[in-house]
Amino acid sequence: MRRRRLLNKDEDNDPMSVVSNLFDVAMVFAVALMVALVTRYNMTEMLSQEDFTMVKNPGKENMEIITKEGEKINRYTPSENQDSKSGKRGKKVGIAYELENGEIIYVPE
């Protein structure tokens, strides 16, 4: 009695089956990399439903203020030579300090 082969001969020689498996592996790797980067840079707030404000590079030339309100994320970059065409205007008006007890003190310039 002969045993039947479980696989069809056409399936054995199909080179495209390897490509589809590589695509699946690449997608799993990409999602894992995104999750790792979000957790590494403490950006889990971006995934939550809460509103927040974050200051990136505070007090430096390339400082950015990022706010999330609902589903909308806004970025603001203050600079000395604001472009009047962009409609973004602003300047540094003071410094805020947070004390050990959590109280914030604002010192105008």
PDB file of N, CA and C in Angstrom:
ATOM      1  N   MET A   1       0.838  -1.163   0.000  1.00  0.00           N
ATOM      2  CA  MET A   1       0.000   0.000   0.000  1.00  0.00           C
ATOM      3  C   MET A   1       0.895   1.241   0.000  1.00  0.00           C
ATOM      4  N   ARG A   2       0.639   2.124  -0.892  1.00  0.00           N
ATOM      5  CA  ARG A   2       1.417   3.347  -0.988  1.00  0.00           C
ATOM      6  C   ARG A   2       0.792   4.446  -0.143  1.00  0.00           C
ATOM      7  N   ARG A   3       1.667   5.226   0.459  1.00  0.00           N
ATOM      8  CA  ARG A   3       1.167   6.374   1.223  1.00  0.00           C
ATOM      9  C   ARG A   3       1.058   7.582   0.318  1.00  0.00           C
ATOM     10  N   ARG A   4       0.024   8.322   0.544  1.00  0.00           N
ATOM     11  CA  ARG A   4      -0.150   9.547  -0.243  1.00  0.00           C
ATOM     12  C   ARG A   4       0.650  10.676   0.402  1.00  0.00           C
ATOM     13  N   ARG A   5       1.179  11.507  -0.402  1.00  0.00           N
ATOM     14  CA  ARG A   5       1.914  12.662   0.120  1.00  0.00           C
ATOM     15  C   ARG A   5       0.916  13.708   0.589  1.00  0.00           C
ATOM     16  N   LEU A   6       1.204  14.317   1.723  1.00  0.00           N
ATOM     17  CA  LEU A   6       0.301  15.308   2.271  1.00  0.00           C
ATOM     18  C   LEU A   6       0.383  16.635   1.518  1.00  0.00           C
ATOM     19  N   LEU A   7       1.534  16.939   0.975  1.00  0.00           N
ATOM     20  CA  LEU A   7       1.705  18.196   0.254  1.00  0.00           C
ATOM     21  C   LEU A   7       1.603  17.961  -1.243  1.00  0.00           C
ATOM     22  N   ASN A   8       1.074  18.942  -1.897  1.00  0.00           N
ATOM     23  CA  ASN A   8       0.982  18.907  -3.342  1.00  0.00           C
ATOM     24  C   ASN A   8       2.343  19.289  -3.918  1.00  0.00           C
ATOM     25  N   LYS A   9       2.720  18.753  -5.048  1.00  0.00           N
ATOM     26  CA  LYS A   9       4.026  19.048  -5.635  1.00  0.00           C
ATOM     27  C   LYS A   9       4.136  20.520  -6.028  1.00  0.00           C
ATOM     28  N   ASP A  10       3.034  21.151  -6.385  1.00  0.00           N
ATOM     29  CA  ASP A  10       3.063  22.563  -6.758  1.00  0.00           C
ATOM     30  C   ASP A  10       3.423  23.427  -5.556  1.00  0.00           C
ATOM     31  N   GLU A  11       2.998  23.039  -4.372  1.00  0.00           N
ATOM     32  CA  GLU A  11       3.288  23.811  -3.166  1.00  0.00           C
ATOM     33  C   GLU A  11       4.756  23.695  -2.773  1.00  0.00           C
ATOM     34  N   ASP A  12       5.393  22.601  -3.067  1.00  0.00           N
ATOM     35  CA  ASP A  12       6.806  22.423  -2.731  1.00  0.00           C
ATOM     36  C   ASP A  12       7.697  23.369  -3.517  1.00  0.00           C
ATOM     37  N   ASN A  13       7.337  23.698  -4.713  1.00  0.00           N
ATOM     38  CA  ASN A  13       8.186  24.480  -5.599  1.00  0.00           C
ATOM     39  C   ASN A  13       7.756  25.937  -5.714  1.00  0.00           C
ATOM     40  N   ASP A  14       6.863  26.395  -4.868  1.00  0.00           N
ATOM     41  CA  ASP A  14       6.380  27.773  -4.954  1.00  0.00           C
ATOM     42  C   ASP A  14       7.321  28.707  -4.195  1.00  0.00           C
ATOM     43  N   PRO A  15       8.105  29.528  -4.894  1.00  0.00           N
ATOM     44  CA  PRO A  15       9.040  30.423  -4.197  1.00  0.00           C
ATOM     45  C   PRO A  15       8.355  31.598  -3.504  1.00  0.00           C
ATOM     46  N   MET A  16       7.143  31.916  -3.863  1.00  0.00           N
ATOM     47  CA  MET A  16       6.433  33.058  -3.265  1.00  0.00           C
ATOM     48  C   MET A  16       5.964  32.763  -1.842  1.00  0.00           C
ATOM     49  N   SER A  17       5.879  31.505  -1.459  1.00  0.00           N
ATOM     50  CA  SER A  17       5.454  31.186  -0.098  1.00  0.00           C
ATOM     51  C   SER A  17       6.483  31.664   0.920  1.00  0.00           C
ATOM     52  N   VAL A  18       7.756  31.673   0.555  1.00  0.00           N
ATOM     53  CA  VAL A  18       8.803  32.168   1.440  1.00  0.00           C
ATOM     54  C   VAL A  18       8.678  33.672   1.621  1.00  0.00           C
ATOM     55  N   VAL A  19       8.325  34.389   0.562  1.00  0.00           N
ATOM     56  CA  VAL A  19       8.184  35.842   0.624  1.00  0.00           C
ATOM     57  C   VAL A  19       7.044  36.244   1.548  1.00  0.00           C
ATOM     58  N   SER A  20       5.945  35.525   1.496  1.00  0.00           N
ATOM     59  CA  SER A  20       4.820  35.865   2.371  1.00  0.00           C
ATOM     60  C   SER A  20       5.180  35.613   3.837  1.00  0.00           C
ATOM     61  N   ASN A  21       5.954  34.594   4.111  1.00  0.00           N
ATOM     62  CA  ASN A  21       6.389  34.347   5.485  1.00  0.00           C
ATOM     63  C   ASN A  21       7.348  35.434   5.958  1.00  0.00           C
ATOM     64  N   LEU A  22       8.233  35.908   5.099  1.00  0.00           N
ATOM     65  CA  LEU A  22       9.147  36.995   5.457  1.00  0.00           C
ATOM     66  C   LEU A  22       8.385  38.282   5.734  1.00  0.00           C
ATOM     67  N   PHE A  23       7.326  38.537   4.989  1.00  0.00           N
ATOM     68  CA  PHE A  23       6.514  39.725   5.221  1.00  0.00           C
ATOM     69  C   PHE A  23       5.870  39.675   6.603  1.00  0.00           C
ATOM     70  N   ASP A  24       5.358  38.528   6.981  1.00  0.00           N
ATOM     71  CA  ASP A  24       4.752  38.376   8.309  1.00  0.00           C
ATOM     72  C   ASP A  24       5.777  38.618   9.411  1.00  0.00           C
ATOM     73  N   VAL A  25       6.967  38.082   9.249  1.00  0.00           N
ATOM     74  CA  VAL A  25       8.025  38.272  10.245  1.00  0.00           C
ATOM     75  C   VAL A  25       8.412  39.741  10.324  1.00  0.00           C
ATOM     76  N   ALA A  26       8.500  40.430   9.176  1.00  0.00           N
ATOM     77  CA  ALA A  26       8.861  41.857   9.162  1.00  0.00           C
ATOM     78  C   ALA A  26       7.796  42.700   9.854  1.00  0.00           C
ATOM     79  N   MET A  27       6.540  42.376   9.692  1.00  0.00           N
ATOM     80  CA  MET A  27       5.471  43.132  10.341  1.00  0.00           C
ATOM     81  C   MET A  27       5.520  42.951  11.863  1.00  0.00           C
ATOM     82  N   VAL A  28       5.757  41.758  12.330  1.00  0.00           N
ATOM     83  CA  VAL A  28       5.867  41.503  13.766  1.00  0.00           C
ATOM     84  C   VAL A  28       7.068  42.254  14.329  1.00  0.00           C
ATOM     85  N   PHE A  29       8.183  42.267  13.613  1.00  0.00           N
ATOM     86  CA  PHE A  29       9.375  42.987  14.057  1.00  0.00           C
ATOM     87  C   PHE A  29       9.112  44.495  14.124  1.00  0.00           C
ATOM     88  N   ALA A  30       8.417  45.053  13.130  1.00  0.00           N
ATOM     89  CA  ALA A  30       8.129  46.482  13.110  1.00  0.00           C
ATOM     90  C   ALA A  30       7.244  46.889  14.282  1.00  0.00           C
ATOM     91  N   VAL A  31       6.231  46.118  14.582  1.00  0.00           N
ATOM     92  CA  VAL A  31       5.350  46.435  15.711  1.00  0.00           C
ATOM     93  C   VAL A  31       6.111  46.328  17.029  1.00  0.00           C
ATOM     94  N   ALA A  32       6.939  45.318  17.166  1.00  0.00           N
ATOM     95  CA  ALA A  32       7.731  45.165  18.391  1.00  0.00           C
ATOM     96  C   ALA A  32       8.709  46.327  18.554  1.00  0.00           C
ATOM     97  N   LEU A  33       9.302  46.788  17.468  1.00  0.00           N
ATOM     98  CA  LEU A  33      10.221  47.920  17.528  1.00  0.00           C
ATOM     99  C   LEU A  33       9.494  49.203  17.922  1.00  0.00           C
ATOM    100  N   MET A  34       8.306  49.424  17.401  1.00  0.00           N
ATOM    101  CA  MET A  34       7.529  50.613  17.762  1.00  0.00           C
ATOM    102  C   MET A  34       7.163  50.593  19.239  1.00  0.00           C
ATOM    103  N   VAL A  35       6.736  49.462  19.751  1.00  0.00           N
ATOM    104  CA  VAL A  35       6.386  49.353  21.170  1.00  0.00           C
ATOM    105  C   VAL A  35       7.615  49.588  22.044  1.00  0.00           C
ATOM    106  N   ALA A  36       8.751  49.046  21.638  1.00  0.00           N
ATOM    107  CA  ALA A  36       9.984  49.230  22.415  1.00  0.00           C
ATOM    108  C   ALA A  36      10.409  50.697  22.439  1.00  0.00           C
ATOM    109  N   LEU A  37      10.298  51.404  21.314  1.00  0.00           N
ATOM    110  CA  LEU A  37      10.686  52.813  21.273  1.00  0.00           C
ATOM    111  C   LEU A  37       9.748  53.681  22.108  1.00  0.00           C
ATOM    112  N   VAL A  38       8.464  53.399  22.061  1.00  0.00           N
ATOM    113  CA  VAL A  38       7.498  54.177  22.844  1.00  0.00           C
ATOM    114  C   VAL A  38       7.761  54.003  24.331  1.00  0.00           C
ATOM    115  N   THR A  39       8.030  52.787  24.761  1.00  0.00           N
ATOM    116  CA  THR A  39       8.278  52.575  26.184  1.00  0.00           C
ATOM    117  C   THR A  39       9.655  53.084  26.594  1.00  0.00           C
ATOM    118  N   ARG A  40      10.645  53.025  25.723  1.00  0.00           N
ATOM    119  CA  ARG A  40      12.000  53.481  26.046  1.00  0.00           C
ATOM    120  C   ARG A  40      12.039  54.988  26.258  1.00  0.00           C
ATOM    121  N   TYR A  41      11.355  55.739  25.433  1.00  0.00           N
ATOM    122  CA  TYR A  41      11.370  57.197  25.520  1.00  0.00           C
ATOM    123  C   TYR A  41      10.218  57.752  26.341  1.00  0.00           C
ATOM    124  N   ASN A  42       9.582  56.916  27.150  1.00  0.00           N
ATOM    125  CA  ASN A  42       8.511  57.317  28.065  1.00  0.00           C
ATOM    126  C   ASN A  42       7.430  58.128  27.357  1.00  0.00           C
ATOM    127  N   MET A  43       6.993  57.655  26.230  1.00  0.00           N
ATOM    128  CA  MET A  43       5.963  58.345  25.460  1.00  0.00           C
ATOM    129  C   MET A  43       4.644  57.588  25.501  1.00  0.00           C
ATOM    130  N   THR A  44       4.398  56.873  26.592  1.00  0.00           N
ATOM    131  CA  THR A  44       3.152  56.121  26.690  1.00  0.00           C
ATOM    132  C   THR A  44       1.947  57.051  26.793  1.00  0.00           C
ATOM    133  N   GLU A  45       2.174  58.336  27.135  1.00  0.00           N
ATOM    134  CA  GLU A  45       1.061  59.300  27.180  1.00  0.00           C
ATOM    135  C   GLU A  45       0.416  59.466  25.809  1.00  0.00           C
ATOM    136  N   MET A  46       1.207  59.306  24.758  1.00  0.00           N
ATOM    137  CA  MET A  46       0.676  59.451  23.399  1.00  0.00           C
ATOM    138  C   MET A  46      -0.393  58.408  23.105  1.00  0.00           C
ATOM    139  N   LEU A  47      -0.324  57.270  23.761  1.00  0.00           N
ATOM    140  CA  LEU A  47      -1.272  56.192  23.501  1.00  0.00           C
ATOM    141  C   LEU A  47      -2.506  56.257  24.394  1.00  0.00           C
ATOM    142  N   SER A  48      -2.475  57.068  25.444  1.00  0.00           N
ATOM    143  CA  SER A  48      -3.608  57.140  26.359  1.00  0.00           C
ATOM    144  C   SER A  48      -4.626  58.166  25.875  1.00  0.00           C
ATOM    145  N   GLN A  49      -5.769  58.217  26.543  1.00  0.00           N
ATOM    146  CA  GLN A  49      -6.828  59.152  26.185  1.00  0.00           C
ATOM    147  C   GLN A  49      -6.716  60.474  26.936  1.00  0.00           C
ATOM    148  N   GLU A  50      -5.753  60.594  27.845  1.00  0.00           N
ATOM    149  CA  GLU A  50      -5.619  61.793  28.662  1.00  0.00           C
ATOM    150  C   GLU A  50      -4.964  62.929  27.876  1.00  0.00           C
ATOM    151  N   ASP A  51      -5.350  64.170  28.204  1.00  0.00           N
ATOM    152  CA  ASP A  51      -4.702  65.347  27.637  1.00  0.00           C
ATOM    153  C   ASP A  51      -3.413  65.612  28.398  1.00  0.00           C
ATOM    154  N   PHE A  52      -2.376  66.098  27.700  1.00  0.00           N
ATOM    155  CA  PHE A  52      -1.117  66.385  28.372  1.00  0.00           C
ATOM    156  C   PHE A  52      -0.344  67.454  27.613  1.00  0.00           C
ATOM    157  N   THR A  53       0.638  68.045  28.293  1.00  0.00           N
ATOM    158  CA  THR A  53       1.588  68.989  27.709  1.00  0.00           C
ATOM    159  C   THR A  53       2.982  68.516  28.067  1.00  0.00           C
ATOM    160  N   MET A  54       3.870  68.498  27.068  1.00  0.00           N
ATOM    161  CA  MET A  54       5.226  68.022  27.273  1.00  0.00           C
ATOM    162  C   MET A  54       6.199  69.036  26.677  1.00  0.00           C
ATOM    163  N   VAL A  55       7.276  69.356  27.406  1.00  0.00           N
ATOM    164  CA  VAL A  55       8.295  70.272  26.917  1.00  0.00           C
ATOM    165  C   VAL A  55       9.528  69.446  26.576  1.00  0.00           C
ATOM    166  N   LYS A  56       9.949  69.534  25.325  1.00  0.00           N
ATOM    167  CA  LYS A  56      11.102  68.784  24.854  1.00  0.00           C
ATOM    168  C   LYS A  56      12.283  69.740  24.762  1.00  0.00           C
ATOM    169  N   ASN A  57      13.425  69.393  25.327  1.00  0.00           N
ATOM    170  CA  ASN A  57      14.640  70.215  25.368  1.00  0.00           C
ATOM    171  C   ASN A  57      14.376  71.573  26.011  1.00  0.00           C
ATOM    172  N   PRO A  58      13.941  71.621  27.269  1.00  0.00           N
ATOM    173  CA  PRO A  58      13.571  72.901  27.888  1.00  0.00           C
ATOM    174  C   PRO A  58      14.762  73.849  28.028  1.00  0.00           C
ATOM    175  N   GLY A  59      14.528  75.125  27.653  1.00  0.00           N
ATOM    176  CA  GLY A  59      15.528  76.172  27.794  1.00  0.00           C
ATOM    177  C   GLY A  59      16.596  76.194  26.724  1.00  0.00           C
ATOM    178  N   LYS A  60      16.518  75.324  25.743  1.00  0.00           N
ATOM    179  CA  LYS A  60      17.532  75.275  24.687  1.00  0.00           C
ATOM    180  C   LYS A  60      16.985  75.887  23.403  1.00  0.00           C
ATOM    181  N   GLU A  61      17.864  76.049  22.422  1.00  0.00           N
ATOM    182  CA  GLU A  61      17.474  76.638  21.133  1.00  0.00           C
ATOM    183  C   GLU A  61      16.417  75.815  20.407  1.00  0.00           C
ATOM    184  N   ASN A  62      16.499  74.492  20.506  1.00  0.00           N
ATOM    185  CA  ASN A  62      15.573  73.617  19.779  1.00  0.00           C
ATOM    186  C   ASN A  62      14.427  73.117  20.661  1.00  0.00           C
ATOM    187  N   MET A  63      13.994  73.946  21.616  1.00  0.00           N
ATOM    188  CA  MET A  63      12.915  73.570  22.529  1.00  0.00           C
ATOM    189  C   MET A  63      11.590  73.441  21.764  1.00  0.00           C
ATOM    190  N   GLU A  64      10.798  72.450  22.140  1.00  0.00           N
ATOM    191  CA  GLU A  64       9.475  72.246  21.558  1.00  0.00           C
ATOM    192  C   GLU A  64       8.464  72.026  22.670  1.00  0.00           C
ATOM    193  N   ILE A  65       7.256  72.538  22.465  1.00  0.00           N
ATOM    194  CA  ILE A  65       6.148  72.310  23.389  1.00  0.00           C
ATOM    195  C   ILE A  65       5.130  71.469  22.635  1.00  0.00           C
ATOM    196  N   ILE A  66       4.846  70.272  23.164  1.00  0.00           N
ATOM    197  CA  ILE A  66       3.927  69.346  22.515  1.00  0.00           C
ATOM    198  C   ILE A  66       2.712  69.182  23.422  1.00  0.00           C
ATOM    199  N   THR A  67       1.526  69.451  22.872  1.00  0.00           N
ATOM    200  CA  THR A  67       0.291  69.299  23.637  1.00  0.00           C
ATOM    201  C   THR A  67      -0.628  68.316  22.915  1.00  0.00           C
ATOM    202  N   LYS A  68      -1.360  67.540  23.716  1.00  0.00           N
ATOM    203  CA  LYS A  68      -2.360  66.634  23.167  1.00  0.00           C
ATOM    204  C   LYS A  68      -3.690  66.988  23.786  1.00  0.00           C
ATOM    205  N   GLU A  69      -4.637  67.306  22.932  1.00  0.00           N
ATOM    206  CA  GLU A  69      -5.993  67.639  23.367  1.00  0.00           C
ATOM    207  C   GLU A  69      -6.951  66.738  22.612  1.00  0.00           C
ATOM    208  N   GLY A  70      -7.453  65.736  23.288  1.00  0.00           N
ATOM    209  CA  GLY A  70      -8.327  64.761  22.631  1.00  0.00           C
ATOM    210  C   GLY A  70      -7.521  63.917  21.655  1.00  0.00           C
ATOM    211  N   GLU A  71      -7.866  63.976  20.386  1.00  0.00           N
ATOM    212  CA  GLU A  71      -7.143  63.240  19.349  1.00  0.00           C
ATOM    213  C   GLU A  71      -6.134  64.117  18.621  1.00  0.00           C
ATOM    214  N   LYS A  72      -6.104  65.407  18.923  1.00  0.00           N
ATOM    215  CA  LYS A  72      -5.251  66.356  18.203  1.00  0.00           C
ATOM    216  C   LYS A  72      -3.942  66.587  18.960  1.00  0.00           C
ATOM    217  N   ILE A  73      -2.811  66.488  18.256  1.00  0.00           N
ATOM    218  CA  ILE A  73      -1.493  66.732  18.826  1.00  0.00           C
ATOM    219  C   ILE A  73      -0.913  67.978  18.167  1.00  0.00           C
ATOM    220  N   ASN A  74      -0.559  68.983  18.990  1.00  0.00           N
ATOM    221  CA  ASN A  74      -0.006  70.243  18.492  1.00  0.00           C
ATOM    222  C   ASN A  74       1.451  70.360  18.899  1.00  0.00           C
ATOM    223  N   ARG A  75       2.280  70.899  17.995  1.00  0.00           N
ATOM    224  CA  ARG A  75       3.686  71.162  18.284  1.00  0.00           C
ATOM    225  C   ARG A  75       3.948  72.645  18.108  1.00  0.00           C
ATOM    226  N   TYR A  76       4.655  73.224  19.063  1.00  0.00           N
ATOM    227  CA  TYR A  76       5.002  74.636  19.009  1.00  0.00           C
ATOM    228  C   TYR A  76       6.491  74.773  19.280  1.00  0.00           C
ATOM    229  N   THR A  77       7.190  75.497  18.392  1.00  0.00           N
ATOM    230  CA  THR A  77       8.623  75.712  18.534  1.00  0.00           C
ATOM    231  C   THR A  77       8.876  77.208  18.670  1.00  0.00           C
ATOM    232  N   PRO A  78       9.139  77.712  19.880  1.00  0.00           N
ATOM    233  CA  PRO A  78       9.425  79.137  20.032  1.00  0.00           C
ATOM    234  C   PRO A  78      10.841  79.460  19.554  1.00  0.00           C
ATOM    235  N   SER A  79      11.012  80.661  18.990  1.00  0.00           N
ATOM    236  CA  SER A  79      12.334  81.100  18.561  1.00  0.00           C
ATOM    237  C   SER A  79      12.371  82.621  18.550  1.00  0.00           C
ATOM    238  N   GLU A  80      13.548  83.179  18.477  1.00  0.00           N
ATOM    239  CA  GLU A  80      13.723  84.636  18.489  1.00  0.00           C
ATOM    240  C   GLU A  80      13.170  85.279  17.223  1.00  0.00           C
ATOM    241  N   ASN A  81      13.431  84.682  16.068  1.00  0.00           N
ATOM    242  CA  ASN A  81      12.974  85.251  14.793  1.00  0.00           C
ATOM    243  C   ASN A  81      11.763  84.479  14.274  1.00  0.00           C
ATOM    244  N   GLN A  82      10.617  84.749  14.856  1.00  0.00           N
ATOM    245  CA  GLN A  82       9.385  84.070  14.457  1.00  0.00           C
ATOM    246  C   GLN A  82       8.972  84.541  13.075  1.00  0.00           C
ATOM    247  N   ASP A  83       8.470  83.636  12.277  1.00  0.00           N
ATOM    248  CA  ASP A  83       8.025  83.942  10.933  1.00  0.00           C
ATOM    249  C   ASP A  83       6.580  84.448  10.988  1.00  0.00           C
ATOM    250  N   SER A  84       6.338  85.644  10.491  1.00  0.00           N
ATOM    251  CA  SER A  84       4.983  86.205  10.547  1.00  0.00           C
ATOM    252  C   SER A  84       4.039  85.478   9.595  1.00  0.00           C
ATOM    253  N   LYS A  85       4.567  84.823   8.579  1.00  0.00           N
ATOM    254  CA  LYS A  85       3.722  84.083   7.642  1.00  0.00           C
ATOM    255  C   LYS A  85       3.125  82.832   8.287  1.00  0.00           C
ATOM    256  N   SER A  86       3.870  82.199   9.179  1.00  0.00           N
ATOM    257  CA  SER A  86       3.376  80.962   9.786  1.00  0.00           C
ATOM    258  C   SER A  86       2.304  81.220  10.837  1.00  0.00           C
ATOM    259  N   GLY A  87       2.230  82.449  11.362  1.00  0.00           N
ATOM    260  CA  GLY A  87       1.235  82.778  12.366  1.00  0.00           C
ATOM    261  C   GLY A  87       1.648  82.378  13.766  1.00  0.00           C
ATOM    262  N   LYS A  88       2.807  81.770  13.911  1.00  0.00           N
ATOM    263  CA  LYS A  88       3.288  81.358  15.226  1.00  0.00           C
ATOM    264  C   LYS A  88       4.166  82.470  15.778  1.00  0.00           C
ATOM    265  N   ARG A  89       3.763  83.007  16.916  1.00  0.00           N
ATOM    266  CA  ARG A  89       4.543  84.067  17.538  1.00  0.00           C
ATOM    267  C   ARG A  89       4.674  83.769  19.016  1.00  0.00           C
ATOM    268  N   GLY A  90       5.794  84.153  19.564  1.00  0.00           N
ATOM    269  CA  GLY A  90       6.000  83.938  20.983  1.00  0.00           C
ATOM    270  C   GLY A  90       7.421  84.252  21.378  1.00  0.00           C
ATOM    271  N   LYS A  91       7.611  84.463  22.663  1.00  0.00           N
ATOM    272  CA  LYS A  91       8.948  84.704  23.179  1.00  0.00           C
ATOM    273  C   LYS A  91       9.001  84.227  24.617  1.00  0.00           C
ATOM    274  N   LYS A  92      10.189  84.061  25.119  1.00  0.00           N
ATOM    275  CA  LYS A  92      10.391  83.617  26.490  1.00  0.00           C
ATOM    276  C   LYS A  92      10.084  84.787  27.414  1.00  0.00           C
ATOM    277  N   VAL A  93       9.200  84.564  28.382  1.00  0.00           N
ATOM    278  CA  VAL A  93       8.792  85.653  29.275  1.00  0.00           C
ATOM    279  C   VAL A  93       9.212  85.417  30.710  1.00  0.00           C
ATOM    280  N   GLY A  94       9.769  84.275  31.008  1.00  0.00           N
ATOM    281  CA  GLY A  94      10.182  84.012  32.384  1.00  0.00           C
ATOM    282  C   GLY A  94      10.636  82.588  32.561  1.00  0.00           C
ATOM    283  N   ILE A  95      10.898  82.252  33.815  1.00  0.00           N
ATOM    284  CA  ILE A  95      11.371  80.916  34.167  1.00  0.00           C
ATOM    285  C   ILE A  95      10.483  80.385  35.289  1.00  0.00           C
ATOM    286  N   ALA A  96      10.157  79.104  35.217  1.00  0.00           N
ATOM    287  CA  ALA A  96       9.362  78.459  36.263  1.00  0.00           C
ATOM    288  C   ALA A  96      10.227  77.416  36.967  1.00  0.00           C
ATOM    289  N   TYR A  97      10.148  77.398  38.298  1.00  0.00           N
ATOM    290  CA  TYR A  97      10.895  76.439  39.107  1.00  0.00           C
ATOM    291  C   TYR A  97       9.911  75.600  39.913  1.00  0.00           C
ATOM    292  N   GLU A  98      10.188  74.304  40.012  1.00  0.00           N
ATOM    293  CA  GLU A  98       9.355  73.418  40.831  1.00  0.00           C
ATOM    294  C   GLU A  98      10.122  73.091  42.110  1.00  0.00           C
ATOM    295  N   LEU A  99       9.503  73.366  43.248  1.00  0.00           N
ATOM    296  CA  LEU A  99      10.123  73.090  44.540  1.00  0.00           C
ATOM    297  C   LEU A  99       9.950  71.625  44.910  1.00  0.00           C
ATOM    298  N   GLU A 100      10.632  71.196  45.956  1.00  0.00           N
ATOM    299  CA  GLU A 100      10.572  69.799  46.384  1.00  0.00           C
ATOM    300  C   GLU A 100       9.173  69.379  46.815  1.00  0.00           C
ATOM    301  N   ASN A 101       8.375  70.311  47.321  1.00  0.00           N
ATOM    302  CA  ASN A 101       7.021  69.979  47.771  1.00  0.00           C
ATOM    303  C   ASN A 101       6.012  69.988  46.617  1.00  0.00           C
ATOM    304  N   GLY A 102       6.464  70.261  45.395  1.00  0.00           N
ATOM    305  CA  GLY A 102       5.568  70.248  44.222  1.00  0.00           C
ATOM    306  C   GLY A 102       5.064  71.608  43.831  1.00  0.00           C
ATOM    307  N   GLU A 103       5.323  72.632  44.619  1.00  0.00           N
ATOM    308  CA  GLU A 103       4.884  73.990  44.324  1.00  0.00           C
ATOM    309  C   GLU A 103       5.727  74.556  43.184  1.00  0.00           C
ATOM    310  N   ILE A 104       5.096  75.309  42.284  1.00  0.00           N
ATOM    311  CA  ILE A 104       5.785  75.900  41.136  1.00  0.00           C
ATOM    312  C   ILE A 104       5.858  77.403  41.328  1.00  0.00           C
ATOM    313  N   ILE A 105       7.054  77.955  41.153  1.00  0.00           N
ATOM    314  CA  ILE A 105       7.286  79.401  41.289  1.00  0.00           C
ATOM    315  C   ILE A 105       7.662  79.951  39.925  1.00  0.00           C
ATOM    316  N   TYR A 106       6.981  81.003  39.500  1.00  0.00           N
ATOM    317  CA  TYR A 106       7.241  81.659  38.211  1.00  0.00           C
ATOM    318  C   TYR A 106       8.026  82.939  38.455  1.00  0.00           C
ATOM    319  N   VAL A 107       9.136  83.122  37.737  1.00  0.00           N
ATOM    320  CA  VAL A 107       9.971  84.323  37.865  1.00  0.00           C
ATOM    321  C   VAL A 107       9.963  85.016  36.506  1.00  0.00           C
ATOM    322  N   PRO A 108       9.282  86.178  36.395  1.00  0.00           N
ATOM    323  CA  PRO A 108       9.274  86.889  35.109  1.00  0.00           C
ATOM    324  C   PRO A 108      10.643  87.508  34.825  1.00  0.00           C
ATOM    325  N   GLU A 109      10.946  87.676  33.536  1.00  0.00           N
ATOM    326  CA  GLU A 109      12.224  88.283  33.143  1.00  0.00           C
ATOM    327  C   GLU A 109      12.052  89.752  32.859  1.00  0.00           C
TER     328      GLU A 109
END
